[in-house]
Amino acid sequence: MDTPIQIQKRKEGYKRVIFCSTKVIIINIIVNGILLILYNSITKRNITSIIIISITNGINVIILHWKCTDNKIFSDEPGLYFITKRGLNCLITIVISSIVLGIISFYEYGLLAQYYIENTLIDESVTLMIHCGIYYGLSSSIFYLFLDRLYIPYYSVLPETKSNWIQQTLRQSIITFICNLFIFVFIIFTVKMYYLMMYGFQPIVSRFSFSNIFTLIPIILIYSIFTRLSFNSLSEIMSIELPLEDKFN
């Protein structure tokens, strides 16, 4: 039987995660909307892509809330949590969800940036964007594990305590972005080599133009920022302790 305070915390947790998820979705729509204006490609299909990308980020917040809790066996060293059965289940879920959401996001980004060529059987750009989704989803999972330790300290910080989560998010976003740039070099090299070995220079292949790299870099930056924003924003809002009056209601 749950105690009144446990019930109160559970209800408050649902409210907070919905608020955080909605906030991330709205910010994502605004940022990607600016990107759409810069690309000068405001169409109904691209607006749909922005909505899909934003919703995937909101879903990511919900999954992180579902799996990253403070109920750990290794309470002194949360980083060891993943070697437990429950922790391994958490890690596998986050890896799979991050990859799936990454694939969806980058495929939609490819539509938004107009990389794909219609009526083409073999499109190098599609393969490239899907690989970006896979590798960046995997890299974000690694950051969740080793940087965040799959750990959110629920209800552990006083409401009046100041948080530097925005500065932390910016700092971590820069680090993530730099790492993702190195990953991108690997991705574009492997995809280009694969298509070169499979099809040579045959005209049946729609190639990913190197000029598109300059439009893809802002996309990688935005993805890196929202990878960190999703976790840090959730951690910041979920770590705030309940007000005293709520504890005794």
C-alpha atoms as a PDB file:
ATOM      1  CA  MET A   1       0.000   0.000   0.000  1.00  0.00           C
ATOM      2  CA  ASP A   2       1.491   3.302  -1.052  1.00  0.00           C
ATOM      3  CA  THR A   3       1.746   6.051   1.515  1.00  0.00           C
ATOM      4  CA  PRO A   4       0.112   9.453   0.841  1.00  0.00           C
ATOM      5  CA  ILE A   5       3.517  11.016   0.155  1.00  0.00           C
ATOM      6  CA  GLN A   6       4.349   8.276  -2.383  1.00  0.00           C
ATOM      7  CA  ILE A   7       1.030   8.846  -4.145  1.00  0.00           C
ATOM      8  CA  GLN A   8       1.643  12.600  -4.122  1.00  0.00           C
ATOM      9  CA  LYS A   9       5.133  12.168  -5.576  1.00  0.00           C
ATOM     10  CA  ARG A  10       3.842   9.880  -8.311  1.00  0.00           C
ATOM     11  CA  LYS A  11       1.130  12.356  -9.325  1.00  0.00           C
ATOM     12  CA  GLU A  12       3.592  15.238  -9.217  1.00  0.00           C
ATOM     13  CA  GLY A  13       6.046  13.189 -11.282  1.00  0.00           C
ATOM     14  CA  TYR A  14       3.464  12.680 -14.034  1.00  0.00           C
ATOM     15  CA  LYS A  15       2.734  16.415 -14.111  1.00  0.00           C
ATOM     16  CA  ARG A  16       6.406  17.300 -14.290  1.00  0.00           C
ATOM     17  CA  VAL A  17       7.311  14.869 -17.055  1.00  0.00           C
ATOM     18  CA  ILE A  18       4.343  16.025 -19.169  1.00  0.00           C
ATOM     19  CA  PHE A  19       5.398  19.640 -18.625  1.00  0.00           C
ATOM     20  CA  CYS A  20       9.029  18.863 -19.498  1.00  0.00           C
ATOM     21  CA  SER A  21       8.089  16.855 -22.583  1.00  0.00           C
ATOM     22  CA  THR A  22       5.775  19.621 -23.801  1.00  0.00           C
ATOM     23  CA  LYS A  23       8.461  22.249 -23.198  1.00  0.00           C
ATOM     24  CA  VAL A  24      11.030  20.278 -25.213  1.00  0.00           C
ATOM     25  CA  ILE A  25       8.525  19.810 -28.055  1.00  0.00           C
ATOM     26  CA  ILE A  26       7.702  23.535 -28.201  1.00  0.00           C
ATOM     27  CA  ILE A  27      11.367  24.602 -28.124  1.00  0.00           C
ATOM     28  CA  ASN A  28      12.129  22.021 -30.811  1.00  0.00           C
ATOM     29  CA  ILE A  29       9.368  23.335 -33.063  1.00  0.00           C
ATOM     30  CA  ILE A  30      10.662  26.899 -32.677  1.00  0.00           C
ATOM     31  CA  VAL A  31      14.315  25.997 -33.365  1.00  0.00           C
ATOM     32  CA  ASN A  32      13.522  23.753 -36.327  1.00  0.00           C
ATOM     33  CA  GLY A  33      11.078  26.356 -37.615  1.00  0.00           C
ATOM     34  CA  ILE A  34      13.945  28.854 -37.746  1.00  0.00           C
ATOM     35  CA  LEU A  35      16.017  26.238 -39.576  1.00  0.00           C
ATOM     36  CA  LEU A  36      13.174  25.783 -42.057  1.00  0.00           C
ATOM     37  CA  ILE A  37      13.094  29.518 -42.719  1.00  0.00           C
ATOM     38  CA  LEU A  38      16.864  29.555 -43.281  1.00  0.00           C
ATOM     39  CA  TYR A  39      16.508  26.702 -45.780  1.00  0.00           C
ATOM     40  CA  ASN A  40      13.678  28.655 -47.438  1.00  0.00           C
ATOM     41  CA  SER A  41      11.629  25.488 -47.770  1.00  0.00           C
ATOM     42  CA  ILE A  42       8.382  26.153 -45.924  1.00  0.00           C
ATOM     43  CA  THR A  43       5.971  23.515 -47.195  1.00  0.00           C
ATOM     44  CA  LYS A  44       3.207  21.466 -45.634  1.00  0.00           C
ATOM     45  CA  ARG A  45       5.389  18.339 -45.803  1.00  0.00           C
ATOM     46  CA  ASN A  46       8.328  20.062 -44.097  1.00  0.00           C
ATOM     47  CA  ILE A  47       6.113  21.439 -41.344  1.00  0.00           C
ATOM     48  CA  THR A  48       4.927  17.864 -40.782  1.00  0.00           C
ATOM     49  CA  SER A  49       8.582  16.774 -40.562  1.00  0.00           C
ATOM     50  CA  ILE A  50       9.232  19.398 -37.885  1.00  0.00           C
ATOM     51  CA  ILE A  51       6.259  18.188 -35.863  1.00  0.00           C
ATOM     52  CA  ILE A  52       7.428  14.556 -36.141  1.00  0.00           C
ATOM     53  CA  ILE A  53      10.990  15.472 -35.099  1.00  0.00           C
ATOM     54  CA  SER A  54       9.692  17.497 -32.148  1.00  0.00           C
ATOM     55  CA  ILE A  55       7.404  14.698 -30.988  1.00  0.00           C
ATOM     56  CA  THR A  56      10.312  12.214 -31.070  1.00  0.00           C
ATOM     57  CA  ASN A  57      12.187  14.493 -28.664  1.00  0.00           C
ATOM     58  CA  GLY A  58       9.140  14.642 -26.407  1.00  0.00           C
ATOM     59  CA  ILE A  59       8.881  10.843 -26.469  1.00  0.00           C
ATOM     60  CA  ASN A  60      12.572  10.638 -25.569  1.00  0.00           C
ATOM     61  CA  VAL A  61      11.883  12.656 -22.406  1.00  0.00           C
ATOM     62  CA  ILE A  62       9.106  10.239 -21.419  1.00  0.00           C
ATOM     63  CA  ILE A  63      11.338   7.188 -21.999  1.00  0.00           C
ATOM     64  CA  LEU A  64      14.138   8.727 -19.928  1.00  0.00           C
ATOM     65  CA  HIS A  65      11.632   9.412 -17.142  1.00  0.00           C
ATOM     66  CA  TRP A  66      10.386   5.831 -17.376  1.00  0.00           C
ATOM     67  CA  LYS A  67      13.820   4.193 -17.224  1.00  0.00           C
ATOM     68  CA  CYS A  68      16.198   6.552 -15.382  1.00  0.00           C
ATOM     69  CA  THR A  69      15.233   6.451 -11.705  1.00  0.00           C
ATOM     70  CA  ASP A  70      17.084   6.798  -8.410  1.00  0.00           C
ATOM     71  CA  ASN A  71      16.192   3.237  -7.339  1.00  0.00           C
ATOM     72  CA  LYS A  72      19.621   1.686  -7.771  1.00  0.00           C
ATOM     73  CA  ILE A  73      21.453  -1.126  -6.037  1.00  0.00           C
ATOM     74  CA  PHE A  74      24.779   0.667  -6.369  1.00  0.00           C
ATOM     75  CA  SER A  75      23.593   3.854  -4.712  1.00  0.00           C
ATOM     76  CA  ASP A  76      27.119   5.117  -4.052  1.00  0.00           C
ATOM     77  CA  GLU A  77      28.287   4.433  -7.605  1.00  0.00           C
ATOM     78  CA  PRO A  78      25.301   4.815  -9.945  1.00  0.00           C
ATOM     79  CA  GLY A  79      27.571   4.197 -12.944  1.00  0.00           C
ATOM     80  CA  LEU A  80      27.680   0.504 -12.018  1.00  0.00           C
ATOM     81  CA  TYR A  81      23.897   0.267 -12.243  1.00  0.00           C
ATOM     82  CA  PHE A  82      23.979  -1.044 -15.809  1.00  0.00           C
ATOM     83  CA  ILE A  83      25.618  -4.325 -14.732  1.00  0.00           C
ATOM     84  CA  THR A  84      22.491  -5.317 -12.774  1.00  0.00           C
ATOM     85  CA  LYS A  85      19.585  -7.077 -14.476  1.00  0.00           C
ATOM     86  CA  ARG A  86      17.288  -4.093 -14.064  1.00  0.00           C
ATOM     87  CA  GLY A  87      20.020  -1.685 -15.123  1.00  0.00           C
ATOM     88  CA  LEU A  88      20.824  -3.724 -18.230  1.00  0.00           C
ATOM     89  CA  ASN A  89      17.142  -3.706 -19.165  1.00  0.00           C
ATOM     90  CA  CYS A  90      17.161   0.065 -18.728  1.00  0.00           C
ATOM     91  CA  LEU A  91      20.258   0.456 -20.905  1.00  0.00           C
ATOM     92  CA  ILE A  92      18.956  -1.807 -23.695  1.00  0.00           C
ATOM     93  CA  THR A  93      15.626   0.052 -23.749  1.00  0.00           C
ATOM     94  CA  ILE A  94      17.346   3.430 -23.985  1.00  0.00           C
ATOM     95  CA  VAL A  95      19.756   2.233 -26.700  1.00  0.00           C
ATOM     96  CA  ILE A  96      16.941   0.816 -28.852  1.00  0.00           C
ATOM     97  CA  SER A  97      14.654   3.817 -28.343  1.00  0.00           C
ATOM     98  CA  SER A  98      17.479   6.299 -29.018  1.00  0.00           C
ATOM     99  CA  ILE A  99      18.388   4.549 -32.274  1.00  0.00           C
ATOM    100  CA  VAL A 100      14.766   4.321 -33.449  1.00  0.00           C
ATOM    101  CA  LEU A 101      14.050   7.951 -32.568  1.00  0.00           C
ATOM    102  CA  GLY A 102      17.370   8.970 -34.152  1.00  0.00           C
ATOM    103  CA  ILE A 103      16.494   7.230 -37.427  1.00  0.00           C
ATOM    104  CA  ILE A 104      13.067   8.886 -37.517  1.00  0.00           C
ATOM    105  CA  SER A 105      14.533  12.315 -36.745  1.00  0.00           C
ATOM    106  CA  PHE A 106      17.330  12.208 -39.316  1.00  0.00           C
ATOM    107  CA  TYR A 107      15.130  10.751 -42.038  1.00  0.00           C
ATOM    108  CA  GLU A 108      12.718  13.638 -41.500  1.00  0.00           C
ATOM    109  CA  TYR A 109      15.617  16.091 -41.422  1.00  0.00           C
ATOM    110  CA  GLY A 110      16.624  14.727 -44.831  1.00  0.00           C
ATOM    111  CA  LEU A 111      13.153  15.538 -46.144  1.00  0.00           C
ATOM    112  CA  LEU A 112      13.291  18.963 -44.545  1.00  0.00           C
ATOM    113  CA  ALA A 113      16.670  19.739 -46.139  1.00  0.00           C
ATOM    114  CA  GLN A 114      15.493  18.335 -49.495  1.00  0.00           C
ATOM    115  CA  TYR A 115      18.312  15.789 -49.767  1.00  0.00           C
ATOM    116  CA  TYR A 116      16.212  13.041 -51.334  1.00  0.00           C
ATOM    117  CA  ILE A 117      15.590  12.720 -55.062  1.00  0.00           C
ATOM    118  CA  GLU A 118      12.137  11.508 -56.093  1.00  0.00           C
ATOM    119  CA  ASN A 119      11.759   8.571 -58.493  1.00  0.00           C
ATOM    120  CA  THR A 120      15.247   7.313 -57.657  1.00  0.00           C
ATOM    121  CA  LEU A 121      15.710   3.634 -56.814  1.00  0.00           C
ATOM    122  CA  ILE A 122      19.130   4.085 -55.186  1.00  0.00           C
ATOM    123  CA  ASP A 123      19.509   7.219 -53.067  1.00  0.00           C
ATOM    124  CA  GLU A 124      22.761   7.615 -51.180  1.00  0.00           C
ATOM    125  CA  SER A 125      21.290  10.420 -49.066  1.00  0.00           C
ATOM    126  CA  VAL A 126      18.644   8.140 -47.542  1.00  0.00           C
ATOM    127  CA  THR A 127      21.290   5.626 -46.471  1.00  0.00           C
ATOM    128  CA  LEU A 128      23.464   8.406 -45.069  1.00  0.00           C
ATOM    129  CA  MET A 129      20.674   9.940 -42.975  1.00  0.00           C
ATOM    130  CA  ILE A 130      19.560   6.552 -41.639  1.00  0.00           C
ATOM    131  CA  HIS A 131      23.139   5.768 -40.632  1.00  0.00           C
ATOM    132  CA  CYS A 132      23.313   9.165 -38.912  1.00  0.00           C
ATOM    133  CA  GLY A 133      20.213   8.226 -36.932  1.00  0.00           C
ATOM    134  CA  ILE A 134      21.704   4.861 -35.926  1.00  0.00           C
ATOM    135  CA  TYR A 135      25.133   6.120 -34.900  1.00  0.00           C
ATOM    136  CA  TYR A 136      23.910   9.285 -33.205  1.00  0.00           C
ATOM    137  CA  GLY A 137      21.236   7.335 -31.355  1.00  0.00           C
ATOM    138  CA  LEU A 138      23.949   4.982 -30.147  1.00  0.00           C
ATOM    139  CA  SER A 139      26.251   7.859 -29.172  1.00  0.00           C
ATOM    140  CA  SER A 140      23.494   9.590 -27.194  1.00  0.00           C
ATOM    141  CA  SER A 141      22.925   6.322 -25.297  1.00  0.00           C
ATOM    142  CA  ILE A 142      26.636   6.216 -24.453  1.00  0.00           C
ATOM    143  CA  PHE A 143      26.403   9.756 -23.100  1.00  0.00           C
ATOM    144  CA  TYR A 144      23.346   8.809 -21.024  1.00  0.00           C
ATOM    145  CA  LEU A 145      25.353   5.922 -19.566  1.00  0.00           C
ATOM    146  CA  PHE A 146      28.784   7.410 -18.941  1.00  0.00           C
ATOM    147  CA  LEU A 147      27.973  11.114 -18.591  1.00  0.00           C
ATOM    148  CA  ASP A 148      24.583  10.915 -16.859  1.00  0.00           C
ATOM    149  CA  ARG A 149      25.010   7.391 -15.423  1.00  0.00           C
ATOM    150  CA  LEU A 150      21.352   6.621 -16.236  1.00  0.00           C
ATOM    151  CA  TYR A 151      20.617   8.512 -13.054  1.00  0.00           C
ATOM    152  CA  ILE A 152      18.125  11.218 -12.107  1.00  0.00           C
ATOM    153  CA  PRO A 153      18.110  12.198  -8.398  1.00  0.00           C
ATOM    154  CA  TYR A 154      14.349  12.467  -7.951  1.00  0.00           C
ATOM    155  CA  TYR A 155      13.076  14.916  -5.295  1.00  0.00           C
ATOM    156  CA  SER A 156      16.513  15.560  -3.810  1.00  0.00           C
ATOM    157  CA  VAL A 157      17.039  19.309  -4.258  1.00  0.00           C
ATOM    158  CA  LEU A 158      15.319  22.106  -2.350  1.00  0.00           C
ATOM    159  CA  PRO A 159      13.004  24.280  -4.504  1.00  0.00           C
ATOM    160  CA  GLU A 160      14.970  27.458  -3.732  1.00  0.00           C
ATOM    161  CA  THR A 161      18.284  25.899  -4.762  1.00  0.00           C
ATOM    162  CA  LYS A 162      19.706  27.532  -7.876  1.00  0.00           C
ATOM    163  CA  SER A 163      20.580  25.210 -10.728  1.00  0.00           C
ATOM    164  CA  ASN A 164      23.185  25.727 -13.435  1.00  0.00           C
ATOM    165  CA  TRP A 165      21.576  23.187 -15.751  1.00  0.00           C
ATOM    166  CA  ILE A 166      21.427  25.623 -18.678  1.00  0.00           C
ATOM    167  CA  GLN A 167      25.187  26.254 -18.587  1.00  0.00           C
ATOM    168  CA  GLN A 168      25.728  22.533 -18.109  1.00  0.00           C
ATOM    169  CA  THR A 169      23.524  21.745 -21.104  1.00  0.00           C
ATOM    170  CA  LEU A 170      25.391  24.204 -23.329  1.00  0.00           C
ATOM    171  CA  ARG A 171      28.765  22.846 -22.250  1.00  0.00           C
ATOM    172  CA  GLN A 172      27.732  19.232 -22.773  1.00  0.00           C
ATOM    173  CA  SER A 173      26.076  20.100 -26.100  1.00  0.00           C
ATOM    174  CA  ILE A 174      29.368  21.476 -27.419  1.00  0.00           C
ATOM    175  CA  ILE A 175      31.184  18.300 -26.360  1.00  0.00           C
ATOM    176  CA  THR A 176      28.458  16.123 -27.898  1.00  0.00           C
ATOM    177  CA  PHE A 177      28.506  18.144 -31.119  1.00  0.00           C
ATOM    178  CA  ILE A 178      32.279  17.800 -31.497  1.00  0.00           C
ATOM    179  CA  CYS A 179      32.052  14.035 -30.944  1.00  0.00           C
ATOM    180  CA  ASN A 180      29.192  13.806 -33.431  1.00  0.00           C
ATOM    181  CA  LEU A 181      31.240  15.648 -36.056  1.00  0.00           C
ATOM    182  CA  PHE A 182      33.939  12.970 -35.814  1.00  0.00           C
ATOM    183  CA  ILE A 183      31.229  10.319 -36.095  1.00  0.00           C
ATOM    184  CA  PHE A 184      29.842  12.085 -39.165  1.00  0.00           C
ATOM    185  CA  VAL A 185      33.232  11.936 -40.901  1.00  0.00           C
ATOM    186  CA  PHE A 186      33.220   8.172 -40.307  1.00  0.00           C
ATOM    187  CA  ILE A 187      29.626   7.830 -41.537  1.00  0.00           C
ATOM    188  CA  ILE A 188      30.102   9.742 -44.772  1.00  0.00           C
ATOM    189  CA  PHE A 189      33.349   7.875 -45.509  1.00  0.00           C
ATOM    190  CA  THR A 190      31.801   4.420 -44.986  1.00  0.00           C
ATOM    191  CA  VAL A 191      28.610   5.220 -46.932  1.00  0.00           C
ATOM    192  CA  LYS A 192      30.544   6.732 -49.840  1.00  0.00           C
ATOM    193  CA  MET A 193      32.927   3.756 -49.941  1.00  0.00           C
ATOM    194  CA  TYR A 194      30.034   1.270 -49.805  1.00  0.00           C
ATOM    195  CA  TYR A 195      28.228   2.827 -52.765  1.00  0.00           C
ATOM    196  CA  LEU A 196      31.480   3.207 -54.663  1.00  0.00           C
ATOM    197  CA  MET A 197      32.307  -0.483 -54.245  1.00  0.00           C
ATOM    198  CA  MET A 198      28.740  -1.612 -55.005  1.00  0.00           C
ATOM    199  CA  TYR A 199      27.891   0.639 -57.948  1.00  0.00           C
ATOM    200  CA  GLY A 200      31.076   2.428 -58.945  1.00  0.00           C
ATOM    201  CA  PHE A 201      30.260   5.671 -60.754  1.00  0.00           C
ATOM    202  CA  GLN A 202      27.042   4.447 -62.348  1.00  0.00           C
ATOM    203  CA  PRO A 203      24.457   7.207 -62.886  1.00  0.00           C
ATOM    204  CA  ILE A 204      21.691   5.088 -61.338  1.00  0.00           C
ATOM    205  CA  VAL A 205      22.823   6.241 -57.885  1.00  0.00           C
ATOM    206  CA  SER A 206      21.617   9.568 -56.540  1.00  0.00           C
ATOM    207  CA  ARG A 207      24.683  10.844 -54.694  1.00  0.00           C
ATOM    208  CA  PHE A 208      24.852  12.824 -51.474  1.00  0.00           C
ATOM    209  CA  SER A 209      26.494  16.056 -52.569  1.00  0.00           C
ATOM    210  CA  PHE A 210      29.402  17.310 -50.489  1.00  0.00           C
ATOM    211  CA  SER A 211      27.811  20.763 -50.657  1.00  0.00           C
ATOM    212  CA  ASN A 212      25.001  19.340 -48.502  1.00  0.00           C
ATOM    213  CA  ILE A 213      27.474  18.896 -45.656  1.00  0.00           C
ATOM    214  CA  PHE A 214      27.163  22.599 -44.855  1.00  0.00           C
ATOM    215  CA  THR A 215      23.393  22.262 -44.417  1.00  0.00           C
ATOM    216  CA  LEU A 216      23.737  19.038 -42.427  1.00  0.00           C
ATOM    217  CA  ILE A 217      26.112  20.488 -39.812  1.00  0.00           C
ATOM    218  CA  PRO A 218      23.376  22.737 -38.261  1.00  0.00           C
ATOM    219  CA  ILE A 219      21.133  19.654 -38.092  1.00  0.00           C
ATOM    220  CA  ILE A 220      23.814  17.726 -36.196  1.00  0.00           C
ATOM    221  CA  LEU A 221      24.220  20.707 -33.853  1.00  0.00           C
ATOM    222  CA  ILE A 222      20.476  20.892 -33.154  1.00  0.00           C
ATOM    223  CA  TYR A 223      20.307  17.144 -32.552  1.00  0.00           C
ATOM    224  CA  SER A 224      23.266  17.352 -30.147  1.00  0.00           C
ATOM    225  CA  ILE A 225      21.652  20.202 -28.215  1.00  0.00           C
ATOM    226  CA  PHE A 226      18.307  18.449 -27.823  1.00  0.00           C
ATOM    227  CA  THR A 227      19.982  15.194 -26.796  1.00  0.00           C
ATOM    228  CA  ARG A 228      21.385  17.038 -23.789  1.00  0.00           C
ATOM    229  CA  LEU A 229      18.366  19.285 -23.282  1.00  0.00           C
ATOM    230  CA  SER A 230      16.007  16.314 -22.997  1.00  0.00           C
ATOM    231  CA  PHE A 231      17.969  14.714 -20.165  1.00  0.00           C
ATOM    232  CA  ASN A 232      19.147  17.826 -18.311  1.00  0.00           C
ATOM    233  CA  SER A 233      15.775  19.551 -18.407  1.00  0.00           C
ATOM    234  CA  LEU A 234      14.092  16.396 -17.096  1.00  0.00           C
ATOM    235  CA  SER A 235      16.743  15.928 -14.414  1.00  0.00           C
ATOM    236  CA  GLU A 236      16.434  19.551 -13.324  1.00  0.00           C
ATOM    237  CA  ILE A 237      12.658  19.504 -12.951  1.00  0.00           C
ATOM    238  CA  MET A 238      12.411  16.011 -11.419  1.00  0.00           C
ATOM    239  CA  SER A 239      15.136  16.608  -8.822  1.00  0.00           C
ATOM    240  CA  ILE A 240      13.271  19.461  -7.104  1.00  0.00           C
ATOM    241  CA  GLU A 241      11.803  18.341  -3.798  1.00  0.00           C
ATOM    242  CA  LEU A 242       8.093  18.703  -3.111  1.00  0.00           C
ATOM    243  CA  PRO A 243       7.096  21.826  -1.135  1.00  0.00           C
ATOM    244  CA  LEU A 244       6.508  21.108   2.548  1.00  0.00           C
ATOM    245  CA  GLU A 245       2.818  21.923   2.291  1.00  0.00           C
ATOM    246  CA  ASP A 246       2.392  19.220  -0.380  1.00  0.00           C
ATOM    247  CA  LYS A 247       4.039  16.625   1.837  1.00  0.00           C
ATOM    248  CA  PHE A 248       1.467  17.026   4.565  1.00  0.00           C
ATOM    249  CA  ASN A 249      -1.638  17.360   2.404  1.00  0.00           C
END
